[in-house]
Amino acid sequence: MVTRFFLRFLVAALGLWAATRIVPGIGIDSPSDLALATLLLGVANAVVKPVVILLSLPFLILTLGLFYFVVNAAMFGLVAWLLDGFRVHGFVPALLGSLVVSLVSWLGSAFVKDKD
């Protein structure tokens, strides 16, 4: 269980690092800031995101789920707002960064299977 958590953490950190390399407007100062940003993004996605999704349910229905991308970008921006060593300059970098992190996490989840 600890190994799966650690592997998922590494995959998420890899996605965040890739976002800083691919998307202009996203920056991380140090490896410790990368680790902290990864942890904060996980906490934001686990705690804050469900509340935001519930509150924005009418927009999600109206846009046929496309507003979910805005919620992901908002979680990305929230982490940047909370952590000084992680910078996101605007909505478009937050949106693209969240897409990169999601894509890398999705690809990584193919290698880190849960035991059911």
PDB file of N, CA and C in Angstrom:
ATOM      1  N   MET A   1       0.817  -1.194   0.000  1.00  0.00           N
ATOM      2  CA  MET A   1       0.000   0.000   0.000  1.00  0.00           C
ATOM      3  C   MET A   1       0.862   1.259   0.000  1.00  0.00           C
ATOM      4  N   VAL A   2       1.898   1.270   0.822  1.00  0.00           N
ATOM      5  CA  VAL A   2       2.793   2.418   0.873  1.00  0.00           C
ATOM      6  C   VAL A   2       3.536   2.549  -0.448  1.00  0.00           C
ATOM      7  N   THR A   3       3.901   1.423  -1.043  1.00  0.00           N
ATOM      8  CA  THR A   3       4.609   1.441  -2.309  1.00  0.00           C
ATOM      9  C   THR A   3       3.738   2.020  -3.417  1.00  0.00           C
ATOM     10  N   ARG A   4       2.453   1.633  -3.468  1.00  0.00           N
ATOM     11  CA  ARG A   4       1.541   2.179  -4.478  1.00  0.00           C
ATOM     12  C   ARG A   4       1.354   3.675  -4.294  1.00  0.00           C
ATOM     13  N   PHE A   5       1.223   4.117  -3.027  1.00  0.00           N
ATOM     14  CA  PHE A   5       1.101   5.551  -2.765  1.00  0.00           C
ATOM     15  C   PHE A   5       2.338   6.287  -3.242  1.00  0.00           C
ATOM     16  N   PHE A   6       3.510   5.744  -2.933  1.00  0.00           N
ATOM     17  CA  PHE A   6       4.762   6.378  -3.331  1.00  0.00           C
ATOM     18  C   PHE A   6       4.901   6.406  -4.847  1.00  0.00           C
ATOM     19  N   LEU A   7       4.510   5.330  -5.521  1.00  0.00           N
ATOM     20  CA  LEU A   7       4.575   5.308  -6.984  1.00  0.00           C
ATOM     21  C   LEU A   7       3.611   6.314  -7.595  1.00  0.00           C
ATOM     22  N   ARG A   8       2.410   6.414  -7.056  1.00  0.00           N
ATOM     23  CA  ARG A   8       1.445   7.407  -7.547  1.00  0.00           C
ATOM     24  C   ARG A   8       1.947   8.828  -7.301  1.00  0.00           C
ATOM     25  N   PHE A   9       2.581   9.035  -6.157  1.00  0.00           N
ATOM     26  CA  PHE A   9       3.168  10.334  -5.863  1.00  0.00           C
ATOM     27  C   PHE A   9       4.257  10.667  -6.877  1.00  0.00           C
ATOM     28  N   LEU A  10       5.114   9.699  -7.180  1.00  0.00           N
ATOM     29  CA  LEU A  10       6.183   9.930  -8.161  1.00  0.00           C
ATOM     30  C   LEU A  10       5.620  10.217  -9.550  1.00  0.00           C
ATOM     31  N   VAL A  11       4.562   9.517  -9.930  1.00  0.00           N
ATOM     32  CA  VAL A  11       3.939   9.757 -11.232  1.00  0.00           C
ATOM     33  C   VAL A  11       3.339  11.159 -11.285  1.00  0.00           C
ATOM     34  N   ALA A  12       2.669  11.567 -10.218  1.00  0.00           N
ATOM     35  CA  ALA A  12       2.090  12.915 -10.172  1.00  0.00           C
ATOM     36  C   ALA A  12       3.194  13.980 -10.189  1.00  0.00           C
ATOM     37  N   ALA A  13       4.275  13.726  -9.473  1.00  0.00           N
ATOM     38  CA  ALA A  13       5.399  14.661  -9.481  1.00  0.00           C
ATOM     39  C   ALA A  13       6.037  14.731 -10.860  1.00  0.00           C
ATOM     40  N   LEU A  14       6.126  13.601 -11.537  1.00  0.00           N
ATOM     41  CA  LEU A  14       6.644  13.586 -12.907  1.00  0.00           C
ATOM     42  C   LEU A  14       5.746  14.412 -13.831  1.00  0.00           C
ATOM     43  N   GLY A  15       4.442  14.279 -13.655  1.00  0.00           N
ATOM     44  CA  GLY A  15       3.508  15.064 -14.461  1.00  0.00           C
ATOM     45  C   GLY A  15       3.636  16.547 -14.194  1.00  0.00           C
ATOM     46  N   LEU A  16       3.801  16.914 -12.942  1.00  0.00           N
ATOM     47  CA  LEU A  16       3.968  18.318 -12.594  1.00  0.00           C
ATOM     48  C   LEU A  16       5.289  18.860 -13.134  1.00  0.00           C
ATOM     49  N   TRP A  17       6.324  18.060 -13.030  1.00  0.00           N
ATOM     50  CA  TRP A  17       7.620  18.466 -13.584  1.00  0.00           C
ATOM     51  C   TRP A  17       7.519  18.623 -15.099  1.00  0.00           C
ATOM     52  N   ALA A  18       6.837  17.691 -15.777  1.00  0.00           N
ATOM     53  CA  ALA A  18       6.662  17.785 -17.229  1.00  0.00           C
ATOM     54  C   ALA A  18       5.882  19.040 -17.601  1.00  0.00           C
ATOM     55  N   ALA A  19       4.895  19.386 -16.795  1.00  0.00           N
ATOM     56  CA  ALA A  19       4.116  20.601 -17.065  1.00  0.00           C
ATOM     57  C   ALA A  19       4.996  21.843 -16.974  1.00  0.00           C
ATOM     58  N   THR A  20       5.939  21.849 -16.026  1.00  0.00           N
ATOM     59  CA  THR A  20       6.829  23.007 -15.913  1.00  0.00           C
ATOM     60  C   THR A  20       7.778  23.103 -17.105  1.00  0.00           C
ATOM     61  N   ARG A  21       8.092  21.968 -17.709  1.00  0.00           N
ATOM     62  CA  ARG A  21       8.995  21.960 -18.871  1.00  0.00           C
ATOM     63  C   ARG A  21       8.270  22.246 -20.184  1.00  0.00           C
ATOM     64  N   ILE A  22       7.032  21.821 -20.297  1.00  0.00           N
ATOM     65  CA  ILE A  22       6.298  21.916 -21.562  1.00  0.00           C
ATOM     66  C   ILE A  22       5.518  23.216 -21.682  1.00  0.00           C
ATOM     67  N   VAL A  23       4.879  23.623 -20.608  1.00  0.00           N
ATOM     68  CA  VAL A  23       3.940  24.753 -20.663  1.00  0.00           C
ATOM     69  C   VAL A  23       4.651  26.038 -20.235  1.00  0.00           C
ATOM     70  N   PRO A  24       4.715  27.020 -21.135  1.00  0.00           N
ATOM     71  CA  PRO A  24       5.266  28.313 -20.716  1.00  0.00           C
ATOM     72  C   PRO A  24       4.320  28.983 -19.723  1.00  0.00           C
ATOM     73  N   GLY A  25       4.885  29.615 -18.706  1.00  0.00           N
ATOM     74  CA  GLY A  25       4.065  30.278 -17.706  1.00  0.00           C
ATOM     75  C   GLY A  25       3.911  29.486 -16.425  1.00  0.00           C
ATOM     76  N   ILE A  26       4.549  28.314 -16.352  1.00  0.00           N
ATOM     77  CA  ILE A  26       4.528  27.502 -15.136  1.00  0.00           C
ATOM     78  C   ILE A  26       5.974  27.308 -14.695  1.00  0.00           C
ATOM     79  N   GLY A  27       6.233  27.540 -13.411  1.00  0.00           N
ATOM     80  CA  GLY A  27       7.589  27.380 -12.906  1.00  0.00           C
ATOM     81  C   GLY A  27       7.616  26.843 -11.492  1.00  0.00           C
ATOM     82  N   ILE A  28       8.676  26.108 -11.203  1.00  0.00           N
ATOM     83  CA  ILE A  28       8.905  25.564  -9.859  1.00  0.00           C
ATOM     84  C   ILE A  28      10.343  25.893  -9.499  1.00  0.00           C
ATOM     85  N   ASP A  29      10.549  26.355  -8.270  1.00  0.00           N
ATOM     86  CA  ASP A  29      11.874  26.815  -7.858  1.00  0.00           C
ATOM     87  C   ASP A  29      12.833  25.696  -7.482  1.00  0.00           C
ATOM     88  N   SER A  30      12.352  24.650  -6.810  1.00  0.00           N
ATOM     89  CA  SER A  30      13.265  23.624  -6.302  1.00  0.00           C
ATOM     90  C   SER A  30      12.564  22.269  -6.259  1.00  0.00           C
ATOM     91  N   PRO A  31      13.328  21.192  -6.120  1.00  0.00           N
ATOM     92  CA  PRO A  31      12.715  19.866  -5.984  1.00  0.00           C
ATOM     93  C   PRO A  31      11.807  19.751  -4.760  1.00  0.00           C
ATOM     94  N   SER A  32      12.150  20.436  -3.681  1.00  0.00           N
ATOM     95  CA  SER A  32      11.280  20.384  -2.504  1.00  0.00           C
ATOM     96  C   SER A  32       9.951  21.092  -2.785  1.00  0.00           C
ATOM     97  N   ASP A  33       9.994  22.169  -3.561  1.00  0.00           N
ATOM     98  CA  ASP A  33       8.751  22.827  -3.958  1.00  0.00           C
ATOM     99  C   ASP A  33       7.926  21.934  -4.881  1.00  0.00           C
ATOM    100  N   LEU A  34       8.590  21.155  -5.717  1.00  0.00           N
ATOM    101  CA  LEU A  34       7.896  20.202  -6.580  1.00  0.00           C
ATOM    102  C   LEU A  34       7.175  19.149  -5.736  1.00  0.00           C
ATOM    103  N   ALA A  35       7.871  18.625  -4.732  1.00  0.00           N
ATOM    104  CA  ALA A  35       7.254  17.616  -3.864  1.00  0.00           C
ATOM    105  C   ALA A  35       6.084  18.209  -3.079  1.00  0.00           C
ATOM    106  N   LEU A  36       6.262  19.408  -2.556  1.00  0.00           N
ATOM    107  CA  LEU A  36       5.193  20.054  -1.797  1.00  0.00           C
ATOM    108  C   LEU A  36       4.011  20.403  -2.699  1.00  0.00           C
ATOM    109  N   ALA A  37       4.286  20.870  -3.909  1.00  0.00           N
ATOM    110  CA  ALA A  37       3.208  21.181  -4.858  1.00  0.00           C
ATOM    111  C   ALA A  37       2.441  19.917  -5.231  1.00  0.00           C
ATOM    112  N   THR A  38       3.138  18.812  -5.383  1.00  0.00           N
ATOM    113  CA  THR A  38       2.480  17.541  -5.687  1.00  0.00           C
ATOM    114  C   THR A  38       1.564  17.120  -4.550  1.00  0.00           C
ATOM    115  N   LEU A  39       2.055  17.234  -3.315  1.00  0.00           N
ATOM    116  CA  LEU A  39       1.220  16.896  -2.154  1.00  0.00           C
ATOM    117  C   LEU A  39       0.013  17.824  -2.046  1.00  0.00           C
ATOM    118  N   LEU A  40       0.236  19.121  -2.230  1.00  0.00           N
ATOM    119  CA  LEU A  40      -0.875  20.071  -2.146  1.00  0.00           C
ATOM    120  C   LEU A  40      -1.893  19.847  -3.254  1.00  0.00           C
ATOM    121  N   LEU A  41      -1.428  19.497  -4.441  1.00  0.00           N
ATOM    122  CA  LEU A  41      -2.349  19.214  -5.539  1.00  0.00           C
ATOM    123  C   LEU A  41      -3.183  17.979  -5.230  1.00  0.00           C
ATOM    124  N   GLY A  42      -2.573  16.979  -4.628  1.00  0.00           N
ATOM    125  CA  GLY A  42      -3.322  15.793  -4.221  1.00  0.00           C
ATOM    126  C   GLY A  42      -4.366  16.100  -3.162  1.00  0.00           C
ATOM    127  N   VAL A  43      -3.995  16.917  -2.185  1.00  0.00           N
ATOM    128  CA  VAL A  43      -4.949  17.298  -1.136  1.00  0.00           C
ATOM    129  C   VAL A  43      -6.069  18.154  -1.717  1.00  0.00           C
ATOM    130  N   ALA A  44      -5.725  19.102  -2.584  1.00  0.00           N
ATOM    131  CA  ALA A  44      -6.750  19.949  -3.208  1.00  0.00           C
ATOM    132  C   ALA A  44      -7.711  19.109  -4.039  1.00  0.00           C
ATOM    133  N   ASN A  45      -7.177  18.140  -4.766  1.00  0.00           N
ATOM    134  CA  ASN A  45      -8.039  17.279  -5.575  1.00  0.00           C
ATOM    135  C   ASN A  45      -8.904  16.357  -4.725  1.00  0.00           C
ATOM    136  N   ALA A  46      -8.421  15.996  -3.550  1.00  0.00           N
ATOM    137  CA  ALA A  46      -9.186  15.092  -2.691  1.00  0.00           C
ATOM    138  C   ALA A  46     -10.190  15.810  -1.798  1.00  0.00           C
ATOM    139  N   VAL A  47      -9.890  17.034  -1.395  1.00  0.00           N
ATOM    140  CA  VAL A  47     -10.734  17.724  -0.421  1.00  0.00           C
ATOM    141  C   VAL A  47     -11.539  18.858  -1.055  1.00  0.00           C
ATOM    142  N   VAL A  48     -10.874  19.743  -1.752  1.00  0.00           N
ATOM    143  CA  VAL A  48     -11.533  20.949  -2.278  1.00  0.00           C
ATOM    144  C   VAL A  48     -12.314  20.657  -3.551  1.00  0.00           C
ATOM    145  N   LYS A  49     -11.744  19.868  -4.432  1.00  0.00           N
ATOM    146  CA  LYS A  49     -12.351  19.626  -5.744  1.00  0.00           C
ATOM    147  C   LYS A  49     -13.763  19.035  -5.671  1.00  0.00           C
ATOM    148  N   PRO A  50     -14.032  18.046  -4.806  1.00  0.00           N
ATOM    149  CA  PRO A  50     -15.408  17.532  -4.742  1.00  0.00           C
ATOM    150  C   PRO A  50     -16.432  18.597  -4.344  1.00  0.00           C
ATOM    151  N   VAL A  51     -16.042  19.499  -3.456  1.00  0.00           N
ATOM    152  CA  VAL A  51     -16.949  20.574  -3.044  1.00  0.00           C
ATOM    153  C   VAL A  51     -17.192  21.524  -4.209  1.00  0.00           C
ATOM    154  N   VAL A  52     -16.129  21.877  -4.920  1.00  0.00           N
ATOM    155  CA  VAL A  52     -16.260  22.779  -6.070  1.00  0.00           C
ATOM    156  C   VAL A  52     -17.106  22.128  -7.157  1.00  0.00           C
ATOM    157  N   ILE A  53     -16.922  20.847  -7.387  1.00  0.00           N
ATOM    158  CA  ILE A  53     -17.721  20.145  -8.400  1.00  0.00           C
ATOM    159  C   ILE A  53     -19.197  20.144  -8.006  1.00  0.00           C
ATOM    160  N   LEU A  54     -19.469  19.901  -6.748  1.00  0.00           N
ATOM    161  CA  LEU A  54     -20.859  19.906  -6.286  1.00  0.00           C
ATOM    162  C   LEU A  54     -21.493  21.287  -6.456  1.00  0.00           C
ATOM    163  N   LEU A  55     -20.743  22.320  -6.098  1.00  0.00           N
ATOM    164  CA  LEU A  55     -21.265  23.676  -6.218  1.00  0.00           C
ATOM    165  C   LEU A  55     -21.420  24.129  -7.673  1.00  0.00           C
ATOM    166  N   SER A  56     -20.595  23.584  -8.553  1.00  0.00           N
ATOM    167  CA  SER A  56     -20.652  23.997  -9.960  1.00  0.00           C
ATOM    168  C   SER A  56     -21.411  23.000 -10.832  1.00  0.00           C
ATOM    169  N   LEU A  57     -22.167  22.125 -10.212  1.00  0.00           N
ATOM    170  CA  LEU A  57     -22.904  21.107 -10.961  1.00  0.00           C
ATOM    171  C   LEU A  57     -23.784  21.672 -12.081  1.00  0.00           C
ATOM    172  N   PRO A  58     -24.493  22.785 -11.870  1.00  0.00           N
ATOM    173  CA  PRO A  58     -25.276  23.329 -12.988  1.00  0.00           C
ATOM    174  C   PRO A  58     -24.414  23.705 -14.207  1.00  0.00           C
ATOM    175  N   PHE A  59     -23.231  24.279 -13.953  1.00  0.00           N
ATOM    176  CA  PHE A  59     -22.336  24.625 -15.059  1.00  0.00           C
ATOM    177  C   PHE A  59     -21.800  23.377 -15.746  1.00  0.00           C
ATOM    178  N   LEU A  60     -21.509  22.351 -14.958  1.00  0.00           N
ATOM    179  CA  LEU A  60     -21.025  21.099 -15.534  1.00  0.00           C
ATOM    180  C   LEU A  60     -22.079  20.477 -16.439  1.00  0.00           C
ATOM    181  N   ILE A  61     -23.315  20.513 -16.000  1.00  0.00           N
ATOM    182  CA  ILE A  61     -24.400  19.950 -16.814  1.00  0.00           C
ATOM    183  C   ILE A  61     -24.623  20.807 -18.055  1.00  0.00           C
ATOM    184  N   LEU A  62     -24.642  22.119 -17.871  1.00  0.00           N
ATOM    185  CA  LEU A  62     -24.893  23.035 -18.980  1.00  0.00           C
ATOM    186  C   LEU A  62     -23.819  22.944 -20.061  1.00  0.00           C
ATOM    187  N   THR A  63     -22.567  22.735 -19.653  1.00  0.00           N
ATOM    188  CA  THR A  63     -21.464  22.663 -20.612  1.00  0.00           C
ATOM    189  C   THR A  63     -21.109  21.227 -20.997  1.00  0.00           C
ATOM    190  N   LEU A  64     -21.963  20.293 -20.602  1.00  0.00           N
ATOM    191  CA  LEU A  64     -21.746  18.872 -20.901  1.00  0.00           C
ATOM    192  C   LEU A  64     -20.395  18.366 -20.392  1.00  0.00           C
ATOM    193  N   GLY A  65     -19.994  18.867 -19.234  1.00  0.00           N
ATOM    194  CA  GLY A  65     -18.775  18.404 -18.592  1.00  0.00           C
ATOM    195  C   GLY A  65     -17.529  19.194 -18.915  1.00  0.00           C
ATOM    196  N   LEU A  66     -17.597  20.119 -19.845  1.00  0.00           N
ATOM    197  CA  LEU A  66     -16.401  20.879 -20.204  1.00  0.00           C
ATOM    198  C   LEU A  66     -15.941  21.809 -19.086  1.00  0.00           C
ATOM    199  N   PHE A  67     -16.860  22.197 -18.212  1.00  0.00           N
ATOM    200  CA  PHE A  67     -16.488  23.048 -17.085  1.00  0.00           C
ATOM    201  C   PHE A  67     -15.544  22.317 -16.134  1.00  0.00           C
ATOM    202  N   TYR A  68     -15.469  21.008 -16.236  1.00  0.00           N
ATOM    203  CA  TYR A  68     -14.555  20.218 -15.419  1.00  0.00           C
ATOM    204  C   TYR A  68     -13.101  20.643 -15.670  1.00  0.00           C
ATOM    205  N   PHE A  69     -12.788  21.046 -16.909  1.00  0.00           N
ATOM    206  CA  PHE A  69     -11.443  21.538 -17.221  1.00  0.00           C
ATOM    207  C   PHE A  69     -11.146  22.820 -16.446  1.00  0.00           C
ATOM    208  N   VAL A  70     -12.152  23.669 -16.292  1.00  0.00           N
ATOM    209  CA  VAL A  70     -11.993  24.904 -15.521  1.00  0.00           C
ATOM    210  C   VAL A  70     -11.749  24.573 -14.055  1.00  0.00           C
ATOM    211  N   VAL A  71     -12.447  23.572 -13.535  1.00  0.00           N
ATOM    212  CA  VAL A  71     -12.252  23.166 -12.140  1.00  0.00           C
ATOM    213  C   VAL A  71     -10.830  22.629 -11.946  1.00  0.00           C
ATOM    214  N   ASN A  72     -10.348  21.831 -12.880  1.00  0.00           N
ATOM    215  CA  ASN A  72      -8.975  21.326 -12.794  1.00  0.00           C
ATOM    216  C   ASN A  72      -7.966  22.471 -12.816  1.00  0.00           C
ATOM    217  N   ALA A  73      -8.178  23.439 -13.698  1.00  0.00           N
ATOM    218  CA  ALA A  73      -7.285  24.599 -13.766  1.00  0.00           C
ATOM    219  C   ALA A  73      -7.347  25.399 -12.467  1.00  0.00           C
ATOM    220  N   ALA A  74      -8.534  25.481 -11.875  1.00  0.00           N
ATOM    221  CA  ALA A  74      -8.673  26.199 -10.611  1.00  0.00           C
ATOM    222  C   ALA A  74      -7.894  25.508  -9.490  1.00  0.00           C
ATOM    223  N   MET A  75      -7.890  24.190  -9.457  1.00  0.00           N
ATOM    224  CA  MET A  75      -7.121  23.464  -8.445  1.00  0.00           C
ATOM    225  C   MET A  75      -5.630  23.703  -8.648  1.00  0.00           C
ATOM    226  N   PHE A  76      -5.220  23.750  -9.897  1.00  0.00           N
ATOM    227  CA  PHE A  76      -3.828  24.031 -10.239  1.00  0.00           C
ATOM    228  C   PHE A  76      -3.455  25.434  -9.762  1.00  0.00           C
ATOM    229  N   GLY A  77      -4.323  26.398 -10.040  1.00  0.00           N
ATOM    230  CA  GLY A  77      -4.082  27.772  -9.609  1.00  0.00           C
ATOM    231  C   GLY A  77      -4.117  27.928  -8.101  1.00  0.00           C
ATOM    232  N   LEU A  78      -4.977  27.171  -7.431  1.00  0.00           N
ATOM    233  CA  LEU A  78      -5.048  27.212  -5.972  1.00  0.00           C
ATOM    234  C   LEU A  78      -3.728  26.783  -5.355  1.00  0.00           C
ATOM    235  N   VAL A  79      -3.139  25.726  -5.881  1.00  0.00           N
ATOM    236  CA  VAL A  79      -1.852  25.253  -5.367  1.00  0.00           C
ATOM    237  C   VAL A  79      -0.774  26.307  -5.607  1.00  0.00           C
ATOM    238  N   ALA A  80      -0.797  26.951  -6.776  1.00  0.00           N
ATOM    239  CA  ALA A  80       0.180  28.008  -7.060  1.00  0.00           C
ATOM    240  C   ALA A  80      -0.010  29.195  -6.124  1.00  0.00           C
ATOM    241  N   TRP A  81      -1.254  29.478  -5.767  1.00  0.00           N
ATOM    242  CA  TRP A  81      -1.539  30.581  -4.854  1.00  0.00           C
ATOM    243  C   TRP A  81      -1.055  30.257  -3.431  1.00  0.00           C
ATOM    244  N   LEU A  82      -1.161  28.994  -3.035  1.00  0.00           N
ATOM    245  CA  LEU A  82      -0.765  28.582  -1.691  1.00  0.00           C
ATOM    246  C   LEU A  82       0.741  28.426  -1.517  1.00  0.00           C
ATOM    247  N   LEU A  83       1.444  28.106  -2.582  1.00  0.00           N
ATOM    248  CA  LEU A  83       2.869  27.772  -2.502  1.00  0.00           C
ATOM    249  C   LEU A  83       3.689  28.804  -3.264  1.00  0.00           C
ATOM    250  N   ASP A  84       4.589  29.477  -2.559  1.00  0.00           N
ATOM    251  CA  ASP A  84       5.396  30.531  -3.187  1.00  0.00           C
ATOM    252  C   ASP A  84       6.360  30.008  -4.247  1.00  0.00           C
ATOM    253  N   GLY A  85       6.852  28.794  -4.090  1.00  0.00           N
ATOM    254  CA  GLY A  85       7.828  28.255  -5.031  1.00  0.00           C
ATOM    255  C   GLY A  85       7.227  27.672  -6.296  1.00  0.00           C
ATOM    256  N   PHE A  86       5.917  27.757  -6.446  1.00  0.00           N
ATOM    257  CA  PHE A  86       5.218  27.224  -7.617  1.00  0.00           C
ATOM    258  C   PHE A  86       4.442  28.370  -8.248  1.00  0.00           C
ATOM    259  N   ARG A  87       4.757  28.688  -9.513  1.00  0.00           N
ATOM    260  CA  ARG A  87       4.149  29.830 -10.179  1.00  0.00           C
ATOM    261  C   ARG A  87       3.358  29.402 -11.402  1.00  0.00           C
ATOM    262  N   VAL A  88       2.165  29.956 -11.520  1.00  0.00           N
ATOM    263  CA  VAL A  88       1.326  29.762 -12.701  1.00  0.00           C
ATOM    264  C   VAL A  88       0.851  31.148 -13.125  1.00  0.00           C
ATOM    265  N   HIS A  89       1.200  31.557 -14.330  1.00  0.00           N
ATOM    266  CA  HIS A  89       0.907  32.900 -14.811  1.00  0.00           C
ATOM    267  C   HIS A  89      -0.312  32.901 -15.723  1.00  0.00           C
ATOM    268  N   GLY A  90      -1.496  32.814 -15.136  1.00  0.00           N
ATOM    269  CA  GLY A  90      -2.710  32.942 -15.916  1.00  0.00           C
ATOM    270  C   GLY A  90      -3.515  31.660 -16.028  1.00  0.00           C
ATOM    271  N   PHE A  91      -4.701  31.831 -16.633  1.00  0.00           N
ATOM    272  CA  PHE A  91      -5.634  30.712 -16.756  1.00  0.00           C
ATOM    273  C   PHE A  91      -5.168  29.677 -17.778  1.00  0.00           C
ATOM    274  N   VAL A  92      -4.682  30.131 -18.932  1.00  0.00           N
ATOM    275  CA  VAL A  92      -4.290  29.186 -19.989  1.00  0.00           C
ATOM    276  C   VAL A  92      -3.139  28.287 -19.538  1.00  0.00           C
ATOM    277  N   PRO A  93      -2.069  28.817 -18.919  1.00  0.00           N
ATOM    278  CA  PRO A  93      -1.047  27.898 -18.395  1.00  0.00           C
ATOM    279  C   PRO A  93      -1.590  26.933 -17.336  1.00  0.00           C
ATOM    280  N   ALA A  94      -2.521  27.408 -16.494  1.00  0.00           N
ATOM    281  CA  ALA A  94      -3.113  26.508 -15.488  1.00  0.00           C
ATOM    282  C   ALA A  94      -3.904  25.401 -16.172  1.00  0.00           C
ATOM    283  N   LEU A  95      -4.656  25.757 -17.201  1.00  0.00           N
ATOM    284  CA  LEU A  95      -5.443  24.764 -17.935  1.00  0.00           C
ATOM    285  C   LEU A  95      -4.539  23.754 -18.633  1.00  0.00           C
ATOM    286  N   LEU A  96      -3.533  24.248 -19.347  1.00  0.00           N
ATOM    287  CA  LEU A  96      -2.617  23.340 -20.046  1.00  0.00           C
ATOM    288  C   LEU A  96      -1.799  22.508 -19.069  1.00  0.00           C
ATOM    289  N   GLY A  97      -1.376  23.112 -17.969  1.00  0.00           N
ATOM    290  CA  GLY A  97      -0.624  22.375 -16.953  1.00  0.00           C
ATOM    291  C   GLY A  97      -1.447  21.271 -16.327  1.00  0.00           C
ATOM    292  N   SER A  98      -2.708  21.561 -16.040  1.00  0.00           N
ATOM    293  CA  SER A  98      -3.563  20.520 -15.457  1.00  0.00           C
ATOM    294  C   SER A  98      -3.816  19.402 -16.459  1.00  0.00           C
ATOM    295  N   LEU A  99      -3.877  19.742 -17.739  1.00  0.00           N
ATOM    296  CA  LEU A  99      -4.031  18.700 -18.766  1.00  0.00           C
ATOM    297  C   LEU A  99      -2.793  17.816 -18.851  1.00  0.00           C
ATOM    298  N   VAL A 100      -1.611  18.415 -18.770  1.00  0.00           N
ATOM    299  CA  VAL A 100      -0.369  17.631 -18.817  1.00  0.00           C
ATOM    300  C   VAL A 100      -0.279  16.709 -17.604  1.00  0.00           C
ATOM    301  N   VAL A 101      -0.568  17.242 -16.423  1.00  0.00           N
ATOM    302  CA  VAL A 101      -0.518  16.422 -15.197  1.00  0.00           C
ATOM    303  C   VAL A 101      -1.533  15.289 -15.283  1.00  0.00           C
ATOM    304  N   SER A 102      -2.727  15.588 -15.772  1.00  0.00           N
ATOM    305  CA  SER A 102      -3.756  14.547 -15.901  1.00  0.00           C
ATOM    306  C   SER A 102      -3.339  13.474 -16.893  1.00  0.00           C
ATOM    307  N   LEU A 103      -2.769  13.874 -18.005  1.00  0.00           N
ATOM    308  CA  LEU A 103      -2.337  12.914 -19.023  1.00  0.00           C
ATOM    309  C   LEU A 103      -1.221  12.014 -18.493  1.00  0.00           C
ATOM    310  N   VAL A 104      -0.230  12.600 -17.854  1.00  0.00           N
ATOM    311  CA  VAL A 104       0.871  11.799 -17.310  1.00  0.00           C
ATOM    312  C   VAL A 104       0.363  10.882 -16.203  1.00  0.00           C
ATOM    313  N   SER A 105      -0.539  11.371 -15.364  1.00  0.00           N
ATOM    314  CA  SER A 105      -1.101  10.531 -14.303  1.00  0.00           C
ATOM    315  C   SER A 105      -1.926   9.392 -14.880  1.00  0.00           C
ATOM    316  N   TRP A 106      -2.671   9.681 -15.934  1.00  0.00           N
ATOM    317  CA  TRP A 106      -3.474   8.648 -16.589  1.00  0.00           C
ATOM    318  C   TRP A 106      -2.564   7.575 -17.194  1.00  0.00           C
ATOM    319  N   LEU A 107      -1.495   8.007 -17.869  1.00  0.00           N
ATOM    320  CA  LEU A 107      -0.552   7.031 -18.443  1.00  0.00           C
ATOM    321  C   LEU A 107       0.150   6.242 -17.340  1.00  0.00           C
ATOM    322  N   GLY A 108       0.524   6.928 -16.259  1.00  0.00           N
ATOM    323  CA  GLY A 108       1.197   6.259 -15.160  1.00  0.00           C
ATOM    324  C   GLY A 108       0.303   5.282 -14.420  1.00  0.00           C
ATOM    325  N   SER A 109      -1.004   5.557 -14.395  1.00  0.00           N
ATOM    326  CA  SER A 109      -1.904   4.653 -13.686  1.00  0.00           C
ATOM    327  C   SER A 109      -2.014   3.303 -14.383  1.00  0.00           C
ATOM    328  N   ALA A 110      -1.628   3.246 -15.640  1.00  0.00           N
ATOM    329  CA  ALA A 110      -1.610   1.961 -16.336  1.00  0.00           C
ATOM    330  C   ALA A 110      -0.523   1.036 -15.766  1.00  0.00           C
ATOM    331  N   PHE A 111       0.496   1.638 -15.162  1.00  0.00           N
ATOM    332  CA  PHE A 111       1.579   0.853 -14.614  1.00  0.00           C
ATOM    333  C   PHE A 111       1.449   0.619 -13.111  1.00  0.00           C
ATOM    334  N   VAL A 112       0.664   1.434 -12.432  1.00  0.00           N
ATOM    335  CA  VAL A 112       0.458   1.299 -10.992  1.00  0.00           C
ATOM    336  C   VAL A 112      -0.971   0.833 -10.787  1.00  0.00           C
ATOM    337  N   LYS A 113      -1.147  -0.461 -10.706  1.00  0.00           N
ATOM    338  CA  LYS A 113      -2.492  -1.048 -10.574  1.00  0.00           C
ATOM    339  C   LYS A 113      -2.877  -1.166  -9.117  1.00  0.00           C
ATOM    340  N   ASP A 114      -4.176  -0.954  -8.837  1.00  0.00           N
ATOM    341  CA  ASP A 114      -4.718  -1.189  -7.500  1.00  0.00           C
ATOM    342  C   ASP A 114      -5.076  -2.658  -7.373  1.00  0.00           C
ATOM    343  N   LYS A 115      -4.855  -3.205  -6.184  1.00  0.00           N
ATOM    344  CA  LYS A 115      -5.282  -4.581  -5.930  1.00  0.00           C
ATOM    345  C   LYS A 115      -6.729  -4.559  -5.513  1.00  0.00           C
ATOM    346  N   ASP A 116      -7.575  -5.237  -6.243  1.00  0.00           N
ATOM    347  CA  ASP A 116      -9.014  -5.275  -5.926  1.00  0.00           C
ATOM    348  C   ASP A 116      -9.407  -6.581  -5.297  1.00  0.00           C
TER     349      ASP A 116
END
